[in-house]
Amino acid sequence: MKYYTEDHLWVEINGDEAVVGISEYMADELGDIEYVDLPGEDDDFIIGDRLGQLRAMCGKLDLYSPISGTVSQVNETLYDEPTLINDSPEEKGWLFHLCDYDDEELDDMMPEDAYLRYLDKNFR
């Protein structure tokens, strides 16, 4: 199950790790992503910390941690192929994995159906 933030990030729990990425909506809004600045492995974050940036033709997106945790893996493919985020934002274009995350913080996020309603109400 994926959880979404109002900032268009998603979190999916995969075993004992949380996978983080941006939503398809945000990938479309940004246009072709040209550059990614992602956190380093073993970096610790609390919810709301700035952890990187995506730059695209239509602007930039500062990335803030949707939940607290420690970065256990970064999608290094994105450094050479940042448009993978545009092509597959919610699958192959994931940004990073967090371990030791606080699963109670997921309660403040939206499940996919609520996120789609949020988009319809505010952006479409």
PDB file of N, CA and C in Angstrom:
ATOM      1  N   MET A   1       0.834  -1.181   0.000  1.00  0.00           N
ATOM      2  CA  MET A   1       0.000   0.000   0.000  1.00  0.00           C
ATOM      3  C   MET A   1       0.879   1.244   0.000  1.00  0.00           C
ATOM      4  N   LYS A   2       0.515   2.208  -0.833  1.00  0.00           N
ATOM      5  CA  LYS A   2       1.245   3.468  -0.883  1.00  0.00           C
ATOM      6  C   LYS A   2       0.509   4.527  -0.082  1.00  0.00           C
ATOM      7  N   TYR A   3       1.304   5.399   0.508  1.00  0.00           N
ATOM      8  CA  TYR A   3       0.804   6.552   1.241  1.00  0.00           C
ATOM      9  C   TYR A   3       1.372   7.798   0.561  1.00  0.00           C
ATOM     10  N   TYR A   4       0.584   8.865   0.521  1.00  0.00           N
ATOM     11  CA  TYR A   4       0.970  10.086  -0.191  1.00  0.00           C
ATOM     12  C   TYR A   4       0.925  11.296   0.732  1.00  0.00           C
ATOM     13  N   THR A   5       1.757  12.282   0.412  1.00  0.00           N
ATOM     14  CA  THR A   5       1.732  13.558   1.124  1.00  0.00           C
ATOM     15  C   THR A   5       1.077  14.606   0.226  1.00  0.00           C
ATOM     16  N   GLU A   6       0.712  15.725   0.819  1.00  0.00           N
ATOM     17  CA  GLU A   6       0.179  16.841   0.037  1.00  0.00           C
ATOM     18  C   GLU A   6       1.256  17.440  -0.857  1.00  0.00           C
ATOM     19  N   ASP A   7       2.523  17.133  -0.584  1.00  0.00           N
ATOM     20  CA  ASP A   7       3.641  17.601  -1.409  1.00  0.00           C
ATOM     21  C   ASP A   7       3.956  16.631  -2.548  1.00  0.00           C
ATOM     22  N   HIS A   8       3.085  15.643  -2.738  1.00  0.00           N
ATOM     23  CA  HIS A   8       3.156  14.707  -3.868  1.00  0.00           C
ATOM     24  C   HIS A   8       4.304  13.704  -3.782  1.00  0.00           C
ATOM     25  N   LEU A   9       4.716  13.382  -2.563  1.00  0.00           N
ATOM     26  CA  LEU A   9       5.643  12.278  -2.349  1.00  0.00           C
ATOM     27  C   LEU A   9       4.839  11.051  -1.955  1.00  0.00           C
ATOM     28  N   TRP A  10       5.368   9.885  -2.258  1.00  0.00           N
ATOM     29  CA  TRP A  10       4.728   8.645  -1.828  1.00  0.00           C
ATOM     30  C   TRP A  10       5.720   7.816  -1.023  1.00  0.00           C
ATOM     31  N   VAL A  11       5.161   6.981  -0.172  1.00  0.00           N
ATOM     32  CA  VAL A  11       5.927   6.043   0.634  1.00  0.00           C
ATOM     33  C   VAL A  11       5.239   4.695   0.521  1.00  0.00           C
ATOM     34  N   GLU A  12       6.020   3.671   0.213  1.00  0.00           N
ATOM     35  CA  GLU A  12       5.492   2.306   0.156  1.00  0.00           C
ATOM     36  C   GLU A  12       6.350   1.430   1.053  1.00  0.00           C
ATOM     37  N   ILE A  13       5.701   0.709   1.943  1.00  0.00           N
ATOM     38  CA  ILE A  13       6.436  -0.170   2.849  1.00  0.00           C
ATOM     39  C   ILE A  13       6.749  -1.470   2.115  1.00  0.00           C
ATOM     40  N   ASN A  14       8.035  -1.821   2.121  1.00  0.00           N
ATOM     41  CA  ASN A  14       8.512  -3.024   1.453  1.00  0.00           C
ATOM     42  C   ASN A  14       9.385  -3.778   2.460  1.00  0.00           C
ATOM     43  N   GLY A  15       8.770  -4.738   3.167  1.00  0.00           N
ATOM     44  CA  GLY A  15       9.493  -5.448   4.220  1.00  0.00           C
ATOM     45  C   GLY A  15       9.770  -4.517   5.372  1.00  0.00           C
ATOM     46  N   ASP A  16      11.051  -4.382   5.745  1.00  0.00           N
ATOM     47  CA  ASP A  16      11.396  -3.488   6.850  1.00  0.00           C
ATOM     48  C   ASP A  16      11.935  -2.144   6.368  1.00  0.00           C
ATOM     49  N   GLU A  17      11.693  -1.828   5.090  1.00  0.00           N
ATOM     50  CA  GLU A  17      12.121  -0.548   4.533  1.00  0.00           C
ATOM     51  C   GLU A  17      10.924   0.199   3.944  1.00  0.00           C
ATOM     52  N   ALA A  18      11.078   1.518   3.888  1.00  0.00           N
ATOM     53  CA  ALA A  18      10.079   2.377   3.261  1.00  0.00           C
ATOM     54  C   ALA A  18      10.700   2.938   1.984  1.00  0.00           C
ATOM     55  N   VAL A  19      10.048   2.706   0.857  1.00  0.00           N
ATOM     56  CA  VAL A  19      10.504   3.223  -0.429  1.00  0.00           C
ATOM     57  C   VAL A  19       9.828   4.571  -0.639  1.00  0.00           C
ATOM     58  N   VAL A  20      10.587   5.577  -1.095  1.00  0.00           N
ATOM     59  CA  VAL A  20      10.068   6.933  -1.261  1.00  0.00           C
ATOM     60  C   VAL A  20      10.249   7.382  -2.705  1.00  0.00           C
ATOM     61  N   GLY A  21       9.253   8.077  -3.235  1.00  0.00           N
ATOM     62  CA  GLY A  21       9.320   8.626  -4.589  1.00  0.00           C
ATOM     63  C   GLY A  21       8.360   9.787  -4.735  1.00  0.00           C
ATOM     64  N   ILE A  22       8.253  10.325  -5.967  1.00  0.00           N
ATOM     65  CA  ILE A  22       7.280  11.383  -6.231  1.00  0.00           C
ATOM     66  C   ILE A  22       6.133  10.790  -7.037  1.00  0.00           C
ATOM     67  N   SER A  23       4.990  11.419  -6.929  1.00  0.00           N
ATOM     68  CA  SER A  23       3.796  10.917  -7.602  1.00  0.00           C
ATOM     69  C   SER A  23       3.855  11.161  -9.106  1.00  0.00           C
ATOM     70  N   GLU A  24       3.059  10.413  -9.807  1.00  0.00           N
ATOM     71  CA  GLU A  24       2.945  10.592 -11.254  1.00  0.00           C
ATOM     72  C   GLU A  24       2.476  12.004 -11.578  1.00  0.00           C
ATOM     73  N   TYR A  25       1.553  12.514 -10.790  1.00  0.00           N
ATOM     74  CA  TYR A  25       1.062  13.887 -11.000  1.00  0.00           C
ATOM     75  C   TYR A  25       2.217  14.883 -10.959  1.00  0.00           C
ATOM     76  N   MET A  26       3.061  14.810  -9.942  1.00  0.00           N
ATOM     77  CA  MET A  26       4.168  15.753  -9.811  1.00  0.00           C
ATOM     78  C   MET A  26       5.198  15.559 -10.918  1.00  0.00           C
ATOM     79  N   ALA A  27       5.466  14.326 -11.291  1.00  0.00           N
ATOM     80  CA  ALA A  27       6.413  14.074 -12.387  1.00  0.00           C
ATOM     81  C   ALA A  27       5.911  14.727 -13.671  1.00  0.00           C
ATOM     82  N   ASP A  28       4.611  14.643 -13.928  1.00  0.00           N
ATOM     83  CA  ASP A  28       4.030  15.283 -15.113  1.00  0.00           C
ATOM     84  C   ASP A  28       4.112  16.803 -15.017  1.00  0.00           C
ATOM     85  N   GLU A  29       3.855  17.342 -13.829  1.00  0.00           N
ATOM     86  CA  GLU A  29       3.902  18.791 -13.630  1.00  0.00           C
ATOM     87  C   GLU A  29       5.308  19.349 -13.835  1.00  0.00           C
ATOM     88  N   LEU A  30       6.317  18.640 -13.388  1.00  0.00           N
ATOM     89  CA  LEU A  30       7.699  19.106 -13.512  1.00  0.00           C
ATOM     90  C   LEU A  30       8.199  19.068 -14.945  1.00  0.00           C
ATOM     91  N   GLY A  31       7.705  18.164 -15.744  1.00  0.00           N
ATOM     92  CA  GLY A  31       8.257  17.968 -17.081  1.00  0.00           C
ATOM     93  C   GLY A  31       9.534  17.146 -16.992  1.00  0.00           C
ATOM     94  N   ASP A  32      10.307  17.154 -18.060  1.00  0.00           N
ATOM     95  CA  ASP A  32      11.505  16.314 -18.103  1.00  0.00           C
ATOM     96  C   ASP A  32      12.497  16.697 -17.007  1.00  0.00           C
ATOM     97  N   ILE A  33      12.753  15.751 -16.135  1.00  0.00           N
ATOM     98  CA  ILE A  33      13.692  15.978 -15.038  1.00  0.00           C
ATOM     99  C   ILE A  33      15.106  15.857 -15.579  1.00  0.00           C
ATOM    100  N   GLU A  34      15.912  16.885 -15.286  1.00  0.00           N
ATOM    101  CA  GLU A  34      17.264  16.967 -15.833  1.00  0.00           C
ATOM    102  C   GLU A  34      18.351  16.662 -14.815  1.00  0.00           C
ATOM    103  N   TYR A  35      18.029  16.804 -13.524  1.00  0.00           N
ATOM    104  CA  TYR A  35      19.066  16.671 -12.490  1.00  0.00           C
ATOM    105  C   TYR A  35      18.421  16.224 -11.187  1.00  0.00           C
ATOM    106  N   VAL A  36      19.090  15.324 -10.481  1.00  0.00           N
ATOM    107  CA  VAL A  36      18.622  14.901  -9.160  1.00  0.00           C
ATOM    108  C   VAL A  36      19.721  15.130  -8.131  1.00  0.00           C
ATOM    109  N   ASP A  37      19.319  15.601  -6.975  1.00  0.00           N
ATOM    110  CA  ASP A  37      20.196  15.740  -5.813  1.00  0.00           C
ATOM    111  C   ASP A  37      19.518  14.942  -4.711  1.00  0.00           C
ATOM    112  N   LEU A  38      20.075  13.791  -4.398  1.00  0.00           N
ATOM    113  CA  LEU A  38      19.470  12.877  -3.428  1.00  0.00           C
ATOM    114  C   LEU A  38      20.336  12.775  -2.183  1.00  0.00           C
ATOM    115  N   PRO A  39      19.750  12.348  -1.074  1.00  0.00           N
ATOM    116  CA  PRO A  39      20.540  12.211   0.156  1.00  0.00           C
ATOM    117  C   PRO A  39      21.561  11.093   0.037  1.00  0.00           C
ATOM    118  N   GLY A  40      22.496  11.077   0.956  1.00  0.00           N
ATOM    119  CA  GLY A  40      23.495  10.018   0.997  1.00  0.00           C
ATOM    120  C   GLY A  40      23.018   8.839   1.834  1.00  0.00           C
ATOM    121  N   GLU A  41      23.540   7.675   1.515  1.00  0.00           N
ATOM    122  CA  GLU A  41      23.222   6.503   2.322  1.00  0.00           C
ATOM    123  C   GLU A  41      23.718   6.725   3.749  1.00  0.00           C
ATOM    124  N   ASP A  42      22.948   6.229   4.686  1.00  0.00           N
ATOM    125  CA  ASP A  42      23.190   6.350   6.123  1.00  0.00           C
ATOM    126  C   ASP A  42      22.855   7.729   6.691  1.00  0.00           C
ATOM    127  N   ASP A  43      22.355   8.659   5.859  1.00  0.00           N
ATOM    128  CA  ASP A  43      21.897   9.948   6.374  1.00  0.00           C
ATOM    129  C   ASP A  43      20.612   9.734   7.163  1.00  0.00           C
ATOM    130  N   ASP A  44      20.516  10.391   8.312  1.00  0.00           N
ATOM    131  CA  ASP A  44      19.323  10.319   9.156  1.00  0.00           C
ATOM    132  C   ASP A  44      18.472  11.559   8.934  1.00  0.00           C
ATOM    133  N   PHE A  45      17.150  11.363   8.868  1.00  0.00           N
ATOM    134  CA  PHE A  45      16.227  12.463   8.677  1.00  0.00           C
ATOM    135  C   PHE A  45      15.047  12.324   9.609  1.00  0.00           C
ATOM    136  N   ILE A  46      14.515  13.462  10.017  1.00  0.00           N
ATOM    137  CA  ILE A  46      13.226  13.448  10.690  1.00  0.00           C
ATOM    138  C   ILE A  46      12.219  14.049   9.729  1.00  0.00           C
ATOM    139  N   ILE A  47      10.977  13.753   9.944  1.00  0.00           N
ATOM    140  CA  ILE A  47       9.919  14.216   9.062  1.00  0.00           C
ATOM    141  C   ILE A  47      10.047  15.729   8.837  1.00  0.00           C
ATOM    142  N   GLY A  48       9.996  16.133   7.581  1.00  0.00           N
ATOM    143  CA  GLY A  48      10.077  17.545   7.222  1.00  0.00           C
ATOM    144  C   GLY A  48      11.455  18.059   6.901  1.00  0.00           C
ATOM    145  N   ASP A  49      12.513  17.281   7.164  1.00  0.00           N
ATOM    146  CA  ASP A  49      13.868  17.708   6.816  1.00  0.00           C
ATOM    147  C   ASP A  49      14.033  17.770   5.304  1.00  0.00           C
ATOM    148  N   ARG A  50      14.775  18.783   4.829  1.00  0.00           N
ATOM    149  CA  ARG A  50      15.100  18.857   3.398  1.00  0.00           C
ATOM    150  C   ARG A  50      16.136  17.783   3.106  1.00  0.00           C
ATOM    151  N   LEU A  51      15.884  17.005   2.062  1.00  0.00           N
ATOM    152  CA  LEU A  51      16.806  15.919   1.769  1.00  0.00           C
ATOM    153  C   LEU A  51      17.272  15.860   0.328  1.00  0.00           C
ATOM    154  N   GLY A  52      16.885  16.815  -0.495  1.00  0.00           N
ATOM    155  CA  GLY A  52      17.363  16.831  -1.864  1.00  0.00           C
ATOM    156  C   GLY A  52      16.511  17.721  -2.738  1.00  0.00           C
ATOM    157  N   GLN A  53      16.744  17.582  -4.056  1.00  0.00           N
ATOM    158  CA  GLN A  53      16.039  18.424  -5.014  1.00  0.00           C
ATOM    159  C   GLN A  53      15.994  17.740  -6.371  1.00  0.00           C
ATOM    160  N   LEU A  54      14.914  17.978  -7.094  1.00  0.00           N
ATOM    161  CA  LEU A  54      14.799  17.572  -8.489  1.00  0.00           C
ATOM    162  C   LEU A  54      14.710  18.845  -9.317  1.00  0.00           C
ATOM    163  N   ARG A  55      15.454  18.890 -10.410  1.00  0.00           N
ATOM    164  CA  ARG A  55      15.384  20.051 -11.302  1.00  0.00           C
ATOM    165  C   ARG A  55      14.903  19.588 -12.661  1.00  0.00           C
ATOM    166  N   ALA A  56      13.993  20.384 -13.215  1.00  0.00           N
ATOM    167  CA  ALA A  56      13.392  20.049 -14.506  1.00  0.00           C
ATOM    168  C   ALA A  56      13.253  21.314 -15.335  1.00  0.00           C
ATOM    169  N   MET A  57      12.832  21.138 -16.584  1.00  0.00           N
ATOM    170  CA  MET A  57      12.650  22.271 -17.478  1.00  0.00           C
ATOM    171  C   MET A  57      11.629  23.260 -16.918  1.00  0.00           C
ATOM    172  N   CYS A  58      10.620  22.754 -16.237  1.00  0.00           N
ATOM    173  CA  CYS A  58       9.531  23.605 -15.747  1.00  0.00           C
ATOM    174  C   CYS A  58       9.736  24.081 -14.318  1.00  0.00           C
ATOM    175  N   GLY A  59      10.868  23.817 -13.732  1.00  0.00           N
ATOM    176  CA  GLY A  59      11.104  24.276 -12.373  1.00  0.00           C
ATOM    177  C   GLY A  59      11.885  23.279 -11.559  1.00  0.00           C
ATOM    178  N   LYS A  60      11.786  23.443 -10.258  1.00  0.00           N
ATOM    179  CA  LYS A  60      12.499  22.547  -9.354  1.00  0.00           C
ATOM    180  C   LYS A  60      11.560  22.139  -8.237  1.00  0.00           C
ATOM    181  N   LEU A  61      11.901  21.036  -7.614  1.00  0.00           N
ATOM    182  CA  LEU A  61      11.128  20.528  -6.492  1.00  0.00           C
ATOM    183  C   LEU A  61      12.090  20.192  -5.366  1.00  0.00           C
ATOM    184  N   ASP A  62      11.983  20.928  -4.257  1.00  0.00           N
ATOM    185  CA  ASP A  62      12.740  20.571  -3.065  1.00  0.00           C
ATOM    186  C   ASP A  62      12.060  19.370  -2.428  1.00  0.00           C
ATOM    187  N   LEU A  63      12.838  18.404  -2.026  1.00  0.00           N
ATOM    188  CA  LEU A  63      12.331  17.177  -1.426  1.00  0.00           C
ATOM    189  C   LEU A  63      12.480  17.250   0.087  1.00  0.00           C
ATOM    190  N   TYR A  64      11.385  16.972   0.787  1.00  0.00           N
ATOM    191  CA  TYR A  64      11.382  16.956   2.242  1.00  0.00           C
ATOM    192  C   TYR A  64      10.971  15.568   2.701  1.00  0.00           C
ATOM    193  N   SER A  65      11.602  15.093   3.736  1.00  0.00           N
ATOM    194  CA  SER A  65      11.359  13.737   4.193  1.00  0.00           C
ATOM    195  C   SER A  65       9.907  13.558   4.633  1.00  0.00           C
ATOM    196  N   PRO A  66       9.188  12.626   4.011  1.00  0.00           N
ATOM    197  CA  PRO A  66       7.788  12.408   4.385  1.00  0.00           C
ATOM    198  C   PRO A  66       7.638  11.672   5.712  1.00  0.00           C
ATOM    199  N   ILE A  67       8.668  10.926   6.106  1.00  0.00           N
ATOM    200  CA  ILE A  67       8.690  10.246   7.398  1.00  0.00           C
ATOM    201  C   ILE A  67      10.138  10.241   7.902  1.00  0.00           C
ATOM    202  N   SER A  68      10.295   9.984   9.174  1.00  0.00           N
ATOM    203  CA  SER A  68      11.627   9.923   9.776  1.00  0.00           C
ATOM    204  C   SER A  68      12.265   8.568   9.503  1.00  0.00           C
ATOM    205  N   GLY A  69      13.576   8.571   9.326  1.00  0.00           N
ATOM    206  CA  GLY A  69      14.292   7.322   9.121  1.00  0.00           C
ATOM    207  C   GLY A  69      15.714   7.543   8.664  1.00  0.00           C
ATOM    208  N   THR A  70      16.379   6.457   8.313  1.00  0.00           N
ATOM    209  CA  THR A  70      17.764   6.467   7.853  1.00  0.00           C
ATOM    210  C   THR A  70      17.799   5.968   6.413  1.00  0.00           C
ATOM    211  N   VAL A  71      18.478   6.698   5.553  1.00  0.00           N
ATOM    212  CA  VAL A  71      18.576   6.301   4.148  1.00  0.00           C
ATOM    213  C   VAL A  71      19.422   5.035   4.052  1.00  0.00           C
ATOM    214  N   SER A  72      18.823   3.993   3.494  1.00  0.00           N
ATOM    215  CA  SER A  72      19.541   2.725   3.367  1.00  0.00           C
ATOM    216  C   SER A  72      19.968   2.448   1.930  1.00  0.00           C
ATOM    217  N   GLN A  73      19.313   3.100   0.981  1.00  0.00           N
ATOM    218  CA  GLN A  73      19.645   2.888  -0.430  1.00  0.00           C
ATOM    219  C   GLN A  73      19.140   4.073  -1.234  1.00  0.00           C
ATOM    220  N   VAL A  74      19.915   4.480  -2.227  1.00  0.00           N
ATOM    221  CA  VAL A  74      19.547   5.555  -3.141  1.00  0.00           C
ATOM    222  C   VAL A  74      19.469   4.960  -4.539  1.00  0.00           C
ATOM    223  N   ASN A  75      18.512   5.418  -5.324  1.00  0.00           N
ATOM    224  CA  ASN A  75      18.377   4.950  -6.703  1.00  0.00           C
ATOM    225  C   ASN A  75      19.434   5.650  -7.555  1.00  0.00           C
ATOM    226  N   GLU A  76      20.631   5.083  -7.588  1.00  0.00           N
ATOM    227  CA  GLU A  76      21.765   5.703  -8.278  1.00  0.00           C
ATOM    228  C   GLU A  76      21.574   5.788  -9.784  1.00  0.00           C
ATOM    229  N   THR A  77      20.696   4.985 -10.341  1.00  0.00           N
ATOM    230  CA  THR A  77      20.402   5.044 -11.778  1.00  0.00           C
ATOM    231  C   THR A  77      19.913   6.435 -12.164  1.00  0.00           C
ATOM    232  N   LEU A  78      19.267   7.126 -11.242  1.00  0.00           N
ATOM    233  CA  LEU A  78      18.693   8.438 -11.541  1.00  0.00           C
ATOM    234  C   LEU A  78      19.749   9.497 -11.826  1.00  0.00           C
ATOM    235  N   TYR A  79      20.975   9.323 -11.329  1.00  0.00           N
ATOM    236  CA  TYR A  79      22.018  10.305 -11.607  1.00  0.00           C
ATOM    237  C   TYR A  79      22.343  10.352 -13.097  1.00  0.00           C
ATOM    238  N   ASP A  80      22.324   9.199 -13.754  1.00  0.00           N
ATOM    239  CA  ASP A  80      22.602   9.140 -15.190  1.00  0.00           C
ATOM    240  C   ASP A  80      21.339   9.202 -16.041  1.00  0.00           C
ATOM    241  N   GLU A  81      20.217   8.785 -15.471  1.00  0.00           N
ATOM    242  CA  GLU A  81      18.941   8.749 -16.196  1.00  0.00           C
ATOM    243  C   GLU A  81      17.828   9.396 -15.376  1.00  0.00           C
ATOM    244  N   PRO A  82      17.909  10.718 -15.138  1.00  0.00           N
ATOM    245  CA  PRO A  82      16.891  11.354 -14.296  1.00  0.00           C
ATOM    246  C   PRO A  82      15.479  11.288 -14.886  1.00  0.00           C
ATOM    247  N   THR A  83      15.357  11.159 -16.207  1.00  0.00           N
ATOM    248  CA  THR A  83      14.024  11.088 -16.815  1.00  0.00           C
ATOM    249  C   THR A  83      13.325   9.759 -16.519  1.00  0.00           C
ATOM    250  N   LEU A  84      14.035   8.819 -15.894  1.00  0.00           N
ATOM    251  CA  LEU A  84      13.382   7.593 -15.443  1.00  0.00           C
ATOM    252  C   LEU A  84      12.257   7.930 -14.460  1.00  0.00           C
ATOM    253  N   ILE A  85      12.419   9.028 -13.727  1.00  0.00           N
ATOM    254  CA  ILE A  85      11.360   9.486 -12.824  1.00  0.00           C
ATOM    255  C   ILE A  85      10.115   9.843 -13.634  1.00  0.00           C
ATOM    256  N   ASN A  86      10.289  10.505 -14.774  1.00  0.00           N
ATOM    257  CA  ASN A  86       9.147  10.846 -15.629  1.00  0.00           C
ATOM    258  C   ASN A  86       8.514   9.605 -16.240  1.00  0.00           C
ATOM    259  N   ASP A  87       9.357   8.673 -16.659  1.00  0.00           N
ATOM    260  CA  ASP A  87       8.868   7.473 -17.341  1.00  0.00           C
ATOM    261  C   ASP A  87       8.167   6.507 -16.395  1.00  0.00           C
ATOM    262  N   SER A  88       8.617   6.440 -15.161  1.00  0.00           N
ATOM    263  CA  SER A  88       8.089   5.452 -14.208  1.00  0.00           C
ATOM    264  C   SER A  88       8.201   5.979 -12.774  1.00  0.00           C
ATOM    265  N   PRO A  89       7.475   7.083 -12.452  1.00  0.00           N
ATOM    266  CA  PRO A  89       7.668   7.727 -11.153  1.00  0.00           C
ATOM    267  C   PRO A  89       7.281   6.880  -9.952  1.00  0.00           C
ATOM    268  N   GLU A  90       6.371   5.941 -10.143  1.00  0.00           N
ATOM    269  CA  GLU A  90       5.902   5.181  -8.983  1.00  0.00           C
ATOM    270  C   GLU A  90       6.364   3.726  -9.020  1.00  0.00           C
ATOM    271  N   GLU A  91       7.345   3.456  -9.889  1.00  0.00           N
ATOM    272  CA  GLU A  91       7.933   2.115  -9.928  1.00  0.00           C
ATOM    273  C   GLU A  91       9.447   2.228 -10.041  1.00  0.00           C
ATOM    274  N   LYS A  92       9.985   2.261 -11.261  1.00  0.00           N
ATOM    275  CA  LYS A  92      11.434   2.283 -11.457  1.00  0.00           C
ATOM    276  C   LYS A  92      12.079   3.603 -11.058  1.00  0.00           C
ATOM    277  N   GLY A  93      11.304   4.690 -10.999  1.00  0.00           N
ATOM    278  CA  GLY A  93      11.837   6.009 -10.677  1.00  0.00           C
ATOM    279  C   GLY A  93      11.805   6.355  -9.196  1.00  0.00           C
ATOM    280  N   TRP A  94      11.733   5.357  -8.335  1.00  0.00           N
ATOM    281  CA  TRP A  94      11.775   5.622  -6.887  1.00  0.00           C
ATOM    282  C   TRP A  94      13.053   6.379  -6.556  1.00  0.00           C
ATOM    283  N   LEU A  95      13.044   7.114  -5.451  1.00  0.00           N
ATOM    284  CA  LEU A  95      14.182   7.954  -5.093  1.00  0.00           C
ATOM    285  C   LEU A  95      15.154   7.289  -4.123  1.00  0.00           C
ATOM    286  N   PHE A  96      14.626   6.790  -3.008  1.00  0.00           N
ATOM    287  CA  PHE A  96      15.490   6.181  -1.998  1.00  0.00           C
ATOM    288  C   PHE A  96      14.667   5.300  -1.074  1.00  0.00           C
ATOM    289  N   HIS A  97      15.377   4.509  -0.276  1.00  0.00           N
ATOM    290  CA  HIS A  97      14.767   3.652   0.742  1.00  0.00           C
ATOM    291  C   HIS A  97      15.163   4.189   2.115  1.00  0.00           C
ATOM    292  N   LEU A  98      14.242   4.072   3.064  1.00  0.00           N
ATOM    293  CA  LEU A  98      14.520   4.413   4.463  1.00  0.00           C
ATOM    294  C   LEU A  98      14.383   3.166   5.322  1.00  0.00           C
ATOM    295  N   CYS A  99      15.286   2.997   6.257  1.00  0.00           N
ATOM    296  CA  CYS A  99      15.132   1.959   7.270  1.00  0.00           C
ATOM    297  C   CYS A  99      14.965   2.660   8.610  1.00  0.00           C
ATOM    298  N   ASP A 100      14.654   1.895   9.624  1.00  0.00           N
ATOM    299  CA  ASP A 100      14.430   2.464  10.958  1.00  0.00           C
ATOM    300  C   ASP A 100      13.453   3.637  10.909  1.00  0.00           C
ATOM    301  N   TYR A 101      12.429   3.497  10.072  1.00  0.00           N
ATOM    302  CA  TYR A 101      11.440   4.563   9.913  1.00  0.00           C
ATOM    303  C   TYR A 101      10.389   4.477  11.022  1.00  0.00           C
ATOM    304  N   ASP A 102       9.683   5.574  11.201  1.00  0.00           N
ATOM    305  CA  ASP A 102       8.631   5.653  12.211  1.00  0.00           C
ATOM    306  C   ASP A 102       7.295   5.376  11.526  1.00  0.00           C
ATOM    307  N   ASP A 103       6.791   4.159  11.647  1.00  0.00           N
ATOM    308  CA  ASP A 103       5.566   3.789  10.927  1.00  0.00           C
ATOM    309  C   ASP A 103       4.328   4.522  11.448  1.00  0.00           C
ATOM    310  N   GLU A 104       4.381   5.091  12.636  1.00  0.00           N
ATOM    311  CA  GLU A 104       3.243   5.872  13.130  1.00  0.00           C
ATOM    312  C   GLU A 104       3.042   7.139  12.309  1.00  0.00           C
ATOM    313  N   GLU A 105       4.103   7.638  11.683  1.00  0.00           N
ATOM    314  CA  GLU A 105       3.990   8.843  10.856  1.00  0.00           C
ATOM    315  C   GLU A 105       3.189   8.584   9.580  1.00  0.00           C
ATOM    316  N   LEU A 106       3.051   7.331   9.193  1.00  0.00           N
ATOM    317  CA  LEU A 106       2.233   6.999   8.020  1.00  0.00           C
ATOM    318  C   LEU A 106       0.761   7.345   8.252  1.00  0.00           C
ATOM    319  N   ASP A 107       0.352   7.382   9.513  1.00  0.00           N
ATOM    320  CA  ASP A 107      -1.037   7.713   9.838  1.00  0.00           C
ATOM    321  C   ASP A 107      -1.417   9.117   9.397  1.00  0.00           C
ATOM    322  N   ASP A 108      -0.429   9.999   9.248  1.00  0.00           N
ATOM    323  CA  ASP A 108      -0.692  11.375   8.823  1.00  0.00           C
ATOM    324  C   ASP A 108      -0.664  11.535   7.310  1.00  0.00           C
ATOM    325  N   MET A 109      -0.437  10.456   6.587  1.00  0.00           N
ATOM    326  CA  MET A 109      -0.395  10.492   5.127  1.00  0.00           C
ATOM    327  C   MET A 109      -1.702   9.947   4.567  1.00  0.00           C
ATOM    328  N   MET A 110      -1.903  10.160   3.258  1.00  0.00           N
ATOM    329  CA  MET A 110      -3.134   9.734   2.599  1.00  0.00           C
ATOM    330  C   MET A 110      -2.939   8.417   1.863  1.00  0.00           C
ATOM    331  N   PRO A 111      -3.884   7.493   1.986  1.00  0.00           N
ATOM    332  CA  PRO A 111      -3.850   6.330   1.102  1.00  0.00           C
ATOM    333  C   PRO A 111      -4.160   6.801  -0.326  1.00  0.00           C
ATOM    334  N   GLU A 112      -3.910   5.954  -1.304  1.00  0.00           N
ATOM    335  CA  GLU A 112      -4.018   6.364  -2.703  1.00  0.00           C
ATOM    336  C   GLU A 112      -5.384   6.946  -3.055  1.00  0.00           C
ATOM    337  N   ASP A 113      -6.472   6.336  -2.609  1.00  0.00           N
ATOM    338  CA  ASP A 113      -7.798   6.850  -2.969  1.00  0.00           C
ATOM    339  C   ASP A 113      -8.019   8.260  -2.413  1.00  0.00           C
ATOM    340  N   ALA A 114      -7.562   8.527  -1.201  1.00  0.00           N
ATOM    341  CA  ALA A 114      -7.687   9.873  -0.629  1.00  0.00           C
ATOM    342  C   ALA A 114      -6.798  10.864  -1.381  1.00  0.00           C
ATOM    343  N   TYR A 115      -5.612  10.427  -1.805  1.00  0.00           N
ATOM    344  CA  TYR A 115      -4.718  11.301  -2.578  1.00  0.00           C
ATOM    345  C   TYR A 115      -5.359  11.669  -3.913  1.00  0.00           C
ATOM    346  N   LEU A 116      -5.985  10.713  -4.581  1.00  0.00           N
ATOM    347  CA  LEU A 116      -6.634  11.005  -5.862  1.00  0.00           C
ATOM    348  C   LEU A 116      -7.781  11.998  -5.671  1.00  0.00           C
ATOM    349  N   ARG A 117      -8.528  11.872  -4.584  1.00  0.00           N
ATOM    350  CA  ARG A 117      -9.577  12.855  -4.282  1.00  0.00           C
ATOM    351  C   ARG A 117      -8.965  14.230  -4.008  1.00  0.00           C
ATOM    352  N   TYR A 118      -7.844  14.247  -3.289  1.00  0.00           N
ATOM    353  CA  TYR A 118      -7.123  15.495  -3.010  1.00  0.00           C
ATOM    354  C   TYR A 118      -6.707  16.174  -4.318  1.00  0.00           C
ATOM    355  N   LEU A 119      -6.178  15.407  -5.260  1.00  0.00           N
ATOM    356  CA  LEU A 119      -5.792  15.965  -6.556  1.00  0.00           C
ATOM    357  C   LEU A 119      -7.002  16.524  -7.295  1.00  0.00           C
ATOM    358  N   ASP A 120      -8.084  15.751  -7.336  1.00  0.00           N
ATOM    359  CA  ASP A 120      -9.296  16.205  -8.036  1.00  0.00           C
ATOM    360  C   ASP A 120      -9.833  17.503  -7.448  1.00  0.00           C
ATOM    361  N   LYS A 121      -9.798  17.615  -6.152  1.00  0.00           N
ATOM    362  CA  LYS A 121     -10.360  18.787  -5.476  1.00  0.00           C
ATOM    363  C   LYS A 121      -9.467  20.024  -5.633  1.00  0.00           C
ATOM    364  N   ASN A 122      -8.163  19.832  -5.637  1.00  0.00           N
ATOM    365  CA  ASN A 122      -7.241  20.972  -5.574  1.00  0.00           C
ATOM    366  C   ASN A 122      -6.456  21.289  -6.850  1.00  0.00           C
ATOM    367  N   PHE A 123      -6.342  20.337  -7.756  1.00  0.00           N
ATOM    368  CA  PHE A 123      -5.440  20.552  -8.892  1.00  0.00           C
ATOM    369  C   PHE A 123      -6.037  20.245 -10.252  1.00  0.00           C
ATOM    370  N   ARG A 124      -7.207  19.678 -10.296  1.00  0.00           N
ATOM    371  CA  ARG A 124      -7.770  19.310 -11.597  1.00  0.00           C
ATOM    372  C   ARG A 124      -9.056  20.036 -11.858  1.00  0.00           C
TER     373      ARG A 124
END
